[in-house]
PDB file of N, CA and C in Angstrom:
ATOM      1  N   MET A   1     -23.071  16.224   1.257  1.00  0.00           N
ATOM      2  CA  MET A   1     -22.967  14.988   2.055  1.00  0.00           C
ATOM      3  C   MET A   1     -21.623  15.007   2.785  1.00  0.00           C
ATOM      4  N   ASN A   2     -21.584  14.267   3.843  1.00  0.00           N
ATOM      5  CA  ASN A   2     -20.354  14.057   4.561  1.00  0.00           C
ATOM      6  C   ASN A   2     -19.808  12.652   4.314  1.00  0.00           C
ATOM      7  N   PHE A   3     -18.626  12.367   4.798  1.00  0.00           N
ATOM      8  CA  PHE A   3     -17.980  11.061   4.482  1.00  0.00           C
ATOM      9  C   PHE A   3     -18.788   9.878   5.092  1.00  0.00           C
ATOM     10  N   GLU A   4     -19.374  10.124   6.290  1.00  0.00           N
ATOM     11  CA  GLU A   4     -20.158   9.066   6.929  1.00  0.00           C
ATOM     12  C   GLU A   4     -21.366   8.691   6.115  1.00  0.00           C
ATOM     13  N   GLU A   5     -21.915   9.643   5.347  1.00  0.00           N
ATOM     14  CA  GLU A   5     -23.068   9.440   4.475  1.00  0.00           C
ATOM     15  C   GLU A   5     -22.623   8.716   3.161  1.00  0.00           C
ATOM     16  N   VAL A   6     -21.490   9.073   2.662  1.00  0.00           N
ATOM     17  CA  VAL A   6     -21.049   8.576   1.379  1.00  0.00           C
ATOM     18  C   VAL A   6     -20.449   7.173   1.472  1.00  0.00           C
ATOM     19  N   LEU A   7     -19.840   6.831   2.567  1.00  0.00           N
ATOM     20  CA  LEU A   7     -19.189   5.543   2.689  1.00  0.00           C
ATOM     21  C   LEU A   7     -20.150   4.333   2.461  1.00  0.00           C
ATOM     22  N   PRO A   8     -21.314   4.306   3.016  1.00  0.00           N
ATOM     23  CA  PRO A   8     -22.222   3.157   2.697  1.00  0.00           C
ATOM     24  C   PRO A   8     -22.620   3.109   1.230  1.00  0.00           C
ATOM     25  N   LEU A   9     -22.683   4.295   0.582  1.00  0.00           N
ATOM     26  CA  LEU A   9     -23.035   4.302  -0.873  1.00  0.00           C
ATOM     27  C   LEU A   9     -21.872   3.786  -1.692  1.00  0.00           C
ATOM     28  N   LEU A  10     -20.604   4.064  -1.244  1.00  0.00           N
ATOM     29  CA  LEU A  10     -19.417   3.519  -1.946  1.00  0.00           C
ATOM     30  C   LEU A  10     -19.503   1.973  -1.817  1.00  0.00           C
ATOM     31  N   LYS A  11     -19.828   1.482  -0.674  1.00  0.00           N
ATOM     32  CA  LYS A  11     -19.912   0.019  -0.421  1.00  0.00           C
ATOM     33  C   LYS A  11     -20.981  -0.589  -1.303  1.00  0.00           C
ATOM     34  N   GLN A  12     -22.022   0.177  -1.728  1.00  0.00           N
ATOM     35  CA  GLN A  12     -23.089  -0.299  -2.569  1.00  0.00           C
ATOM     36  C   GLN A  12     -22.688  -0.248  -4.061  1.00  0.00           C
ATOM     37  N   GLY A  13     -21.521   0.283  -4.358  1.00  0.00           N
ATOM     38  CA  GLY A  13     -21.054   0.380  -5.741  1.00  0.00           C
ATOM     39  C   GLY A  13     -21.147   1.705  -6.384  1.00  0.00           C
ATOM     40  N   LYS A  14     -21.558   2.785  -5.654  1.00  0.00           N
ATOM     41  CA  LYS A  14     -21.687   4.107  -6.199  1.00  0.00           C
ATOM     42  C   LYS A  14     -20.280   4.731  -6.303  1.00  0.00           C
ATOM     43  N   LYS A  15     -20.171   5.715  -7.175  1.00  0.00           N
ATOM     44  CA  LYS A  15     -18.983   6.557  -7.335  1.00  0.00           C
ATOM     45  C   LYS A  15     -19.228   7.892  -6.606  1.00  0.00           C
ATOM     46  N   ALA A  16     -18.155   8.328  -5.894  1.00  0.00           N
ATOM     47  CA  ALA A  16     -18.297   9.602  -5.195  1.00  0.00           C
ATOM     48  C   ALA A  16     -17.190  10.588  -5.522  1.00  0.00           C
ATOM     49  N   LEU A  17     -17.505  11.876  -5.390  1.00  0.00           N
ATOM     50  CA  LEU A  17     -16.478  12.880  -5.570  1.00  0.00           C
ATOM     51  C   LEU A  17     -16.663  13.996  -4.579  1.00  0.00           C
ATOM     52  N   ARG A  18     -15.661  14.866  -4.488  1.00  0.00           N
ATOM     53  CA  ARG A  18     -15.824  16.072  -3.698  1.00  0.00           C
ATOM     54  C   ARG A  18     -15.854  17.278  -4.623  1.00  0.00           C
ATOM     55  N   SER A  19     -16.826  18.134  -4.428  1.00  0.00           N
ATOM     56  CA  SER A  19     -16.846  19.310  -5.260  1.00  0.00           C
ATOM     57  C   SER A  19     -15.677  20.193  -5.044  1.00  0.00           C
ATOM     58  N   GLY A  20     -15.010  20.058  -3.888  1.00  0.00           N
ATOM     59  CA  GLY A  20     -13.854  20.869  -3.601  1.00  0.00           C
ATOM     60  C   GLY A  20     -12.557  20.376  -4.183  1.00  0.00           C
ATOM     61  N   TRP A  21     -12.565  19.244  -4.881  1.00  0.00           N
ATOM     62  CA  TRP A  21     -11.351  18.759  -5.499  1.00  0.00           C
ATOM     63  C   TRP A  21     -11.139  19.652  -6.760  1.00  0.00           C
ATOM     64  N   ASN A  22      -9.826  19.868  -7.029  1.00  0.00           N
ATOM     65  CA  ASN A  22      -9.499  20.764  -8.167  1.00  0.00           C
ATOM     66  C   ASN A  22      -9.559  20.090  -9.523  1.00  0.00           C
ATOM     67  N   GLY A  23      -9.290  18.757  -9.568  1.00  0.00           N
ATOM     68  CA  GLY A  23      -9.181  18.049 -10.864  1.00  0.00           C
ATOM     69  C   GLY A  23     -10.546  17.734 -11.385  1.00  0.00           C
ATOM     70  N   LYS A  24     -10.729  17.828 -12.681  1.00  0.00           N
ATOM     71  CA  LYS A  24     -12.018  17.496 -13.313  1.00  0.00           C
ATOM     72  C   LYS A  24     -12.052  15.985 -13.567  1.00  0.00           C
ATOM     73  N   GLY A  25     -13.179  15.346 -13.393  1.00  0.00           N
ATOM     74  CA  GLY A  25     -13.330  13.973 -13.747  1.00  0.00           C
ATOM     75  C   GLY A  25     -12.805  13.018 -12.642  1.00  0.00           C
ATOM     76  N   MET A  26     -12.397  13.533 -11.496  1.00  0.00           N
ATOM     77  CA  MET A  26     -11.947  12.723 -10.382  1.00  0.00           C
ATOM     78  C   MET A  26     -13.101  12.116  -9.673  1.00  0.00           C
ATOM     79  N   PHE A  27     -12.992  10.896  -9.227  1.00  0.00           N
ATOM     80  CA  PHE A  27     -13.950  10.246  -8.360  1.00  0.00           C
ATOM     81  C   PHE A  27     -13.399   9.059  -7.624  1.00  0.00           C
ATOM     82  N   VAL A  28     -14.037   8.559  -6.607  1.00  0.00           N
ATOM     83  CA  VAL A  28     -13.584   7.413  -5.830  1.00  0.00           C
ATOM     84  C   VAL A  28     -14.596   6.276  -5.956  1.00  0.00           C
ATOM     85  N   VAL A  29     -14.105   5.072  -5.970  1.00  0.00           N
ATOM     86  CA  VAL A  29     -14.915   3.836  -5.961  1.00  0.00           C
ATOM     87  C   VAL A  29     -14.346   2.859  -4.973  1.00  0.00           C
ATOM     88  N   ARG A  30     -15.195   1.960  -4.530  1.00  0.00           N
ATOM     89  CA  ARG A  30     -14.750   0.833  -3.655  1.00  0.00           C
ATOM     90  C   ARG A  30     -14.459  -0.326  -4.605  1.00  0.00           C
ATOM     91  N   GLN A  31     -13.299  -0.869  -4.426  1.00  0.00           N
ATOM     92  CA  GLN A  31     -12.916  -2.088  -5.194  1.00  0.00           C
ATOM     93  C   GLN A  31     -13.145  -3.272  -4.290  1.00  0.00           C
ATOM     94  N   LYS A  32     -13.700  -4.292  -4.786  1.00  0.00           N
ATOM     95  CA  LYS A  32     -14.063  -5.465  -3.948  1.00  0.00           C
ATOM     96  C   LYS A  32     -12.816  -6.270  -3.494  1.00  0.00           C
ATOM     97  N   GLY A  33     -11.700  -6.046  -4.125  1.00  0.00           N
ATOM     98  CA  GLY A  33     -10.486  -6.803  -3.801  1.00  0.00           C
ATOM     99  C   GLY A  33     -10.601  -8.230  -4.273  1.00  0.00           C
ATOM    100  N   TYR A  34      -9.730  -9.111  -3.769  1.00  0.00           N
ATOM    101  CA  TYR A  34      -9.755 -10.511  -4.108  1.00  0.00           C
ATOM    102  C   TYR A  34      -9.522 -11.276  -2.790  1.00  0.00           C
ATOM    103  N   PRO A  35     -10.591 -11.337  -1.956  1.00  0.00           N
ATOM    104  CA  PRO A  35     -10.411 -12.023  -0.661  1.00  0.00           C
ATOM    105  C   PRO A  35     -10.098 -13.485  -0.769  1.00  0.00           C
ATOM    106  N   GLU A  36     -10.498 -14.114  -1.848  1.00  0.00           N
ATOM    107  CA  GLU A  36     -10.185 -15.547  -2.052  1.00  0.00           C
ATOM    108  C   GLU A  36      -8.858 -15.730  -2.752  1.00  0.00           C
ATOM    109  N   GLY A  37      -8.305 -14.625  -3.262  1.00  0.00           N
ATOM    110  CA  GLY A  37      -7.036 -14.630  -3.958  1.00  0.00           C
ATOM    111  C   GLY A  37      -7.167 -14.634  -5.463  1.00  0.00           C
ATOM    112  N   ILE A  38      -6.114 -14.124  -6.077  1.00  0.00           N
ATOM    113  CA  ILE A  38      -5.941 -14.099  -7.530  1.00  0.00           C
ATOM    114  C   ILE A  38      -4.528 -14.429  -7.805  1.00  0.00           C
ATOM    115  N   LYS A  39      -4.292 -15.105  -8.972  1.00  0.00           N
ATOM    116  CA  LYS A  39      -2.895 -15.424  -9.316  1.00  0.00           C
ATOM    117  C   LYS A  39      -2.155 -14.171  -9.675  1.00  0.00           C
ATOM    118  N   CYS A  40      -0.980 -14.007  -9.015  1.00  0.00           N
ATOM    119  CA  CYS A  40      -0.258 -12.729  -9.233  1.00  0.00           C
ATOM    120  C   CYS A  40       0.492 -12.784 -10.507  1.00  0.00           C
ATOM    121  N   ASN A  41       0.492 -11.589 -11.151  1.00  0.00           N
ATOM    122  CA  ASN A  41       1.203 -11.410 -12.405  1.00  0.00           C
ATOM    123  C   ASN A  41       2.707 -11.200 -12.120  1.00  0.00           C
ATOM    124  N   LYS A  42       3.443 -11.048 -13.134  1.00  0.00           N
ATOM    125  CA  LYS A  42       4.931 -10.857 -12.923  1.00  0.00           C
ATOM    126  C   LYS A  42       5.277  -9.644 -12.103  1.00  0.00           C
ATOM    127  N   GLN A  43       4.632  -8.526 -12.351  1.00  0.00           N
ATOM    128  CA  GLN A  43       4.925  -7.287 -11.633  1.00  0.00           C
ATOM    129  C   GLN A  43       4.618  -7.476 -10.159  1.00  0.00           C
ATOM    130  N   THR A  44       3.498  -8.052  -9.796  1.00  0.00           N
ATOM    131  CA  THR A  44       3.131  -8.253  -8.355  1.00  0.00           C
ATOM    132  C   THR A  44       4.093  -9.263  -7.721  1.00  0.00           C
ATOM    133  N   ALA A  45       4.436 -10.341  -8.449  1.00  0.00           N
ATOM    134  CA  ALA A  45       5.378 -11.303  -7.910  1.00  0.00           C
ATOM    135  C   ALA A  45       6.696 -10.727  -7.583  1.00  0.00           C
ATOM    136  N   GLU A  46       7.212  -9.882  -8.505  1.00  0.00           N
ATOM    137  CA  GLU A  46       8.536  -9.275  -8.236  1.00  0.00           C
ATOM    138  C   GLU A  46       8.458  -8.266  -7.125  1.00  0.00           C
ATOM    139  N   ALA A  47       7.390  -7.480  -6.990  1.00  0.00           N
ATOM    140  CA  ALA A  47       7.241  -6.517  -5.935  1.00  0.00           C
ATOM    141  C   ALA A  47       7.157  -7.171  -4.494  1.00  0.00           C
ATOM    142  N   TRP A  48       6.578  -8.338  -4.460  1.00  0.00           N
ATOM    143  CA  TRP A  48       6.360  -9.029  -3.160  1.00  0.00           C
ATOM    144  C   TRP A  48       7.178 -10.259  -2.954  1.00  0.00           C
ATOM    145  N   ASN A  49       8.172 -10.463  -3.798  1.00  0.00           N
ATOM    146  CA  ASN A  49       9.090 -11.601  -3.721  1.00  0.00           C
ATOM    147  C   ASN A  49       8.318 -12.912  -3.720  1.00  0.00           C
ATOM    148  N   LEU A  50       7.367 -13.028  -4.650  1.00  0.00           N
ATOM    149  CA  LEU A  50       6.570 -14.226  -4.818  1.00  0.00           C
ATOM    150  C   LEU A  50       6.896 -14.818  -6.216  1.00  0.00           C
ATOM    151  N   ASN A  51       6.281 -15.979  -6.468  1.00  0.00           N
ATOM    152  CA  ASN A  51       6.372 -16.540  -7.765  1.00  0.00           C
ATOM    153  C   ASN A  51       5.205 -16.077  -8.630  1.00  0.00           C
ATOM    154  N   GLU A  52       5.444 -15.862  -9.907  1.00  0.00           N
ATOM    155  CA  GLU A  52       4.344 -15.550 -10.779  1.00  0.00           C
ATOM    156  C   GLU A  52       3.355 -16.699 -10.734  1.00  0.00           C
ATOM    157  N   GLY A  53       2.065 -16.367 -10.557  1.00  0.00           N
ATOM    158  CA  GLY A  53       0.989 -17.395 -10.455  1.00  0.00           C
ATOM    159  C   GLY A  53       0.634 -17.719  -8.986  1.00  0.00           C
ATOM    160  N   ASP A  54       1.522 -17.347  -8.033  1.00  0.00           N
ATOM    161  CA  ASP A  54       1.145 -17.564  -6.626  1.00  0.00           C
ATOM    162  C   ASP A  54      -0.183 -16.856  -6.333  1.00  0.00           C
ATOM    163  N   LEU A  55      -0.903 -17.438  -5.320  1.00  0.00           N
ATOM    164  CA  LEU A  55      -2.182 -16.797  -4.895  1.00  0.00           C
ATOM    165  C   LEU A  55      -1.887 -15.542  -4.112  1.00  0.00           C
ATOM    166  N   PHE A  56      -2.509 -14.455  -4.494  1.00  0.00           N
ATOM    167  CA  PHE A  56      -2.337 -13.184  -3.817  1.00  0.00           C
ATOM    168  C   PHE A  56      -3.667 -12.658  -3.368  1.00  0.00           C
ATOM    169  N   LYS A  57      -3.845 -12.557  -2.040  1.00  0.00           N
ATOM    170  CA  LYS A  57      -5.136 -12.135  -1.485  1.00  0.00           C
ATOM    171  C   LYS A  57      -5.136 -10.632  -1.211  1.00  0.00           C
ATOM    172  N   VAL A  58      -6.224 -10.005  -1.620  1.00  0.00           N
ATOM    173  CA  VAL A  58      -6.342  -8.522  -1.522  1.00  0.00           C
ATOM    174  C   VAL A  58      -7.625  -8.160  -0.847  1.00  0.00           C
ATOM    175  N   HIS A  59      -7.582  -7.382   0.227  1.00  0.00           N
ATOM    176  CA  HIS A  59      -8.780  -6.936   0.924  1.00  0.00           C
ATOM    177  C   HIS A  59      -9.489  -5.845   0.101  1.00  0.00           C
ATOM    178  N   PRO A  60     -10.765  -5.577   0.299  1.00  0.00           N
ATOM    179  CA  PRO A  60     -11.336  -4.433  -0.435  1.00  0.00           C
ATOM    180  C   PRO A  60     -10.658  -3.126  -0.138  1.00  0.00           C
ATOM    181  N   TYR A  61     -10.658  -2.259  -1.070  1.00  0.00           N
ATOM    182  CA  TYR A  61      -9.950  -0.929  -0.922  1.00  0.00           C
ATOM    183  C   TYR A  61     -10.670   0.128  -1.752  1.00  0.00           C
ATOM    184  N   LEU A  62     -10.304   1.345  -1.509  1.00  0.00           N
ATOM    185  CA  LEU A  62     -10.820   2.494  -2.268  1.00  0.00           C
ATOM    186  C   LEU A  62      -9.806   2.825  -3.408  1.00  0.00           C
ATOM    187  N   GLN A  63     -10.343   3.228  -4.540  1.00  0.00           N
ATOM    188  CA  GLN A  63      -9.548   3.587  -5.675  1.00  0.00           C
ATOM    189  C   GLN A  63     -10.084   4.933  -6.215  1.00  0.00           C
ATOM    190  N   ILE A  64      -9.097   5.759  -6.633  1.00  0.00           N
ATOM    191  CA  ILE A  64      -9.454   7.052  -7.196  1.00  0.00           C
ATOM    192  C   ILE A  64      -9.109   7.178  -8.656  1.00  0.00           C
ATOM    193  N   LYS A  65      -9.943   7.805  -9.407  1.00  0.00           N
ATOM    194  CA  LYS A  65      -9.618   8.171 -10.801  1.00  0.00           C
ATOM    195  C   LYS A  65      -9.130   9.599 -10.725  1.00  0.00           C
ATOM    196  N   ASN A  66      -7.883   9.744 -11.132  1.00  0.00           N
ATOM    197  CA  ASN A  66      -7.225  11.055 -11.118  1.00  0.00           C
ATOM    198  C   ASN A  66      -7.635  11.958 -12.288  1.00  0.00           C
ATOM    199  N   ALA A  67      -7.333  13.213 -12.193  1.00  0.00           N
ATOM    200  CA  ALA A  67      -7.708  14.157 -13.305  1.00  0.00           C
ATOM    201  C   ALA A  67      -7.005  13.793 -14.596  1.00  0.00           C
ATOM    202  N   ASP A  68      -5.815  13.157 -14.520  1.00  0.00           N
ATOM    203  CA  ASP A  68      -5.089  12.781 -15.784  1.00  0.00           C
ATOM    204  C   ASP A  68      -5.569  11.413 -16.312  1.00  0.00           C
ATOM    205  N   GLY A  69      -6.612  10.818 -15.772  1.00  0.00           N
ATOM    206  CA  GLY A  69      -7.090   9.524 -16.263  1.00  0.00           C
ATOM    207  C   GLY A  69      -6.484   8.312 -15.655  1.00  0.00           C
ATOM    208  N   THR A  70      -5.433   8.521 -14.822  1.00  0.00           N
ATOM    209  CA  THR A  70      -4.835   7.365 -14.144  1.00  0.00           C
ATOM    210  C   THR A  70      -5.617   6.947 -12.920  1.00  0.00           C
ATOM    211  N   HIS A  71      -5.322   5.804 -12.354  1.00  0.00           N
ATOM    212  CA  HIS A  71      -6.037   5.308 -11.175  1.00  0.00           C
ATOM    213  C   HIS A  71      -4.994   4.902 -10.075  1.00  0.00           C
ATOM    214  N   ALA A  72      -5.437   5.027  -8.865  1.00  0.00           N
ATOM    215  CA  ALA A  72      -4.502   4.690  -7.733  1.00  0.00           C
ATOM    216  C   ALA A  72      -5.348   4.255  -6.563  1.00  0.00           C
ATOM    217  N   MET A  73      -4.782   3.440  -5.700  1.00  0.00           N
ATOM    218  CA  MET A  73      -5.400   3.161  -4.414  1.00  0.00           C
ATOM    219  C   MET A  73      -5.545   4.449  -3.664  1.00  0.00           C
ATOM    220  N   TRP A  74      -6.568   4.653  -2.886  1.00  0.00           N
ATOM    221  CA  TRP A  74      -6.799   5.917  -2.233  1.00  0.00           C
ATOM    222  C   TRP A  74      -7.179   5.716  -0.780  1.00  0.00           C
ATOM    223  N   VAL A  75      -6.603   6.632   0.070  1.00  0.00           N
ATOM    224  CA  VAL A  75      -6.990   6.694   1.447  1.00  0.00           C
ATOM    225  C   VAL A  75      -7.427   8.154   1.719  1.00  0.00           C
ATOM    226  N   PRO A  76      -8.595   8.394   2.286  1.00  0.00           N
ATOM    227  CA  PRO A  76      -9.021   9.744   2.540  1.00  0.00           C
ATOM    228  C   PRO A  76      -8.123  10.493   3.492  1.00  0.00           C
ATOM    229  N   SER A  77      -7.935  11.766   3.196  1.00  0.00           N
ATOM    230  CA  SER A  77      -7.238  12.675   4.131  1.00  0.00           C
ATOM    231  C   SER A  77      -8.185  13.080   5.277  1.00  0.00           C
ATOM    232  N   ILE A  78      -7.639  13.731   6.249  1.00  0.00           N
ATOM    233  CA  ILE A  78      -8.453  14.267   7.332  1.00  0.00           C
ATOM    234  C   ILE A  78      -9.491  15.256   6.742  1.00  0.00           C
ATOM    235  N   GLY A  79      -8.970  16.082   5.785  1.00  0.00           N
ATOM    236  CA  GLY A  79      -9.887  17.019   5.137  1.00  0.00           C
ATOM    237  C   GLY A  79     -11.047  16.344   4.418  1.00  0.00           C
ATOM    238  N   ASP A  80     -10.749  15.156   3.743  1.00  0.00           N
ATOM    239  CA  ASP A  80     -11.818  14.429   3.063  1.00  0.00           C
ATOM    240  C   ASP A  80     -12.758  13.839   4.046  1.00  0.00           C
ATOM    241  N   ILE A  81     -12.296  13.365   5.184  1.00  0.00           N
ATOM    242  CA  ILE A  81     -13.175  12.707   6.140  1.00  0.00           C
ATOM    243  C   ILE A  81     -14.142  13.745   6.740  1.00  0.00           C
ATOM    244  N   PHE A  82     -13.688  14.935   6.961  1.00  0.00           N
ATOM    245  CA  PHE A  82     -14.530  15.934   7.659  1.00  0.00           C
ATOM    246  C   PHE A  82     -15.244  16.916   6.662  1.00  0.00           C
ATOM    247  N   ALA A  83     -14.992  16.681   5.343  1.00  0.00           N
ATOM    248  CA  ALA A  83     -15.624  17.583   4.362  1.00  0.00           C
ATOM    249  C   ALA A  83     -17.129  17.382   4.275  1.00  0.00           C
ATOM    250  N   GLU A  84     -17.849  18.367   3.839  1.00  0.00           N
ATOM    251  CA  GLU A  84     -19.338  18.324   3.721  1.00  0.00           C
ATOM    252  C   GLU A  84     -19.734  18.483   2.230  1.00  0.00           C
ATOM    253  N   ASP A  85     -18.735  18.369   1.313  1.00  0.00           N
ATOM    254  CA  ASP A  85     -19.002  18.603  -0.079  1.00  0.00           C
ATOM    255  C   ASP A  85     -18.961  17.328  -0.921  1.00  0.00           C
ATOM    256  N   TRP A  86     -19.243  16.175  -0.293  1.00  0.00           N
ATOM    257  CA  TRP A  86     -19.264  14.899  -1.055  1.00  0.00           C
ATOM    258  C   TRP A  86     -20.545  14.828  -1.953  1.00  0.00           C
ATOM    259  N   GLU A  87     -20.345  14.220  -3.097  1.00  0.00           N
ATOM    260  CA  GLU A  87     -21.509  14.053  -3.982  1.00  0.00           C
ATOM    261  C   GLU A  87     -21.411  12.655  -4.634  1.00  0.00           C
ATOM    262  N   ILE A  88     -22.558  12.120  -4.997  1.00  0.00           N
ATOM    263  CA  ILE A  88     -22.541  10.850  -5.757  1.00  0.00           C
ATOM    264  C   ILE A  88     -22.536  11.167  -7.217  1.00  0.00           C
ATOM    265  N   VAL A  89     -21.723  10.397  -7.952  1.00  0.00           N
ATOM    266  CA  VAL A  89     -21.640  10.554  -9.397  1.00  0.00           C
ATOM    267  C   VAL A  89     -22.768   9.702  -9.988  1.00  0.00           C
ATOM    268  N   GLU A  90     -23.603  10.332 -10.776  1.00  0.00           N
ATOM    269  CA  GLU A  90     -24.704   9.617 -11.414  1.00  0.00           C
ATOM    270  C   GLU A  90     -24.321   9.215 -12.851  1.00  0.00           C
TER     271      GLU A  90
END
């Protein structure tokens, strides 16, 4: 699959990976974000110079599960966008 094919499936809640990625267990998901807002915790408040509990609005975003089990916000590289080795995780 290519990225154009996998993006709608991510929007439907599917998990996707590239067979060309070196790390085992890695995959990408779409996170819905918090378009109506969520009360920010202490860490977020300090990072954005807000008060703990202030409303923090977050648009949808992509998130990756890394090979070491950690998670991070993710933006596809040019290589990811033009790759033809995307797969859906079942």
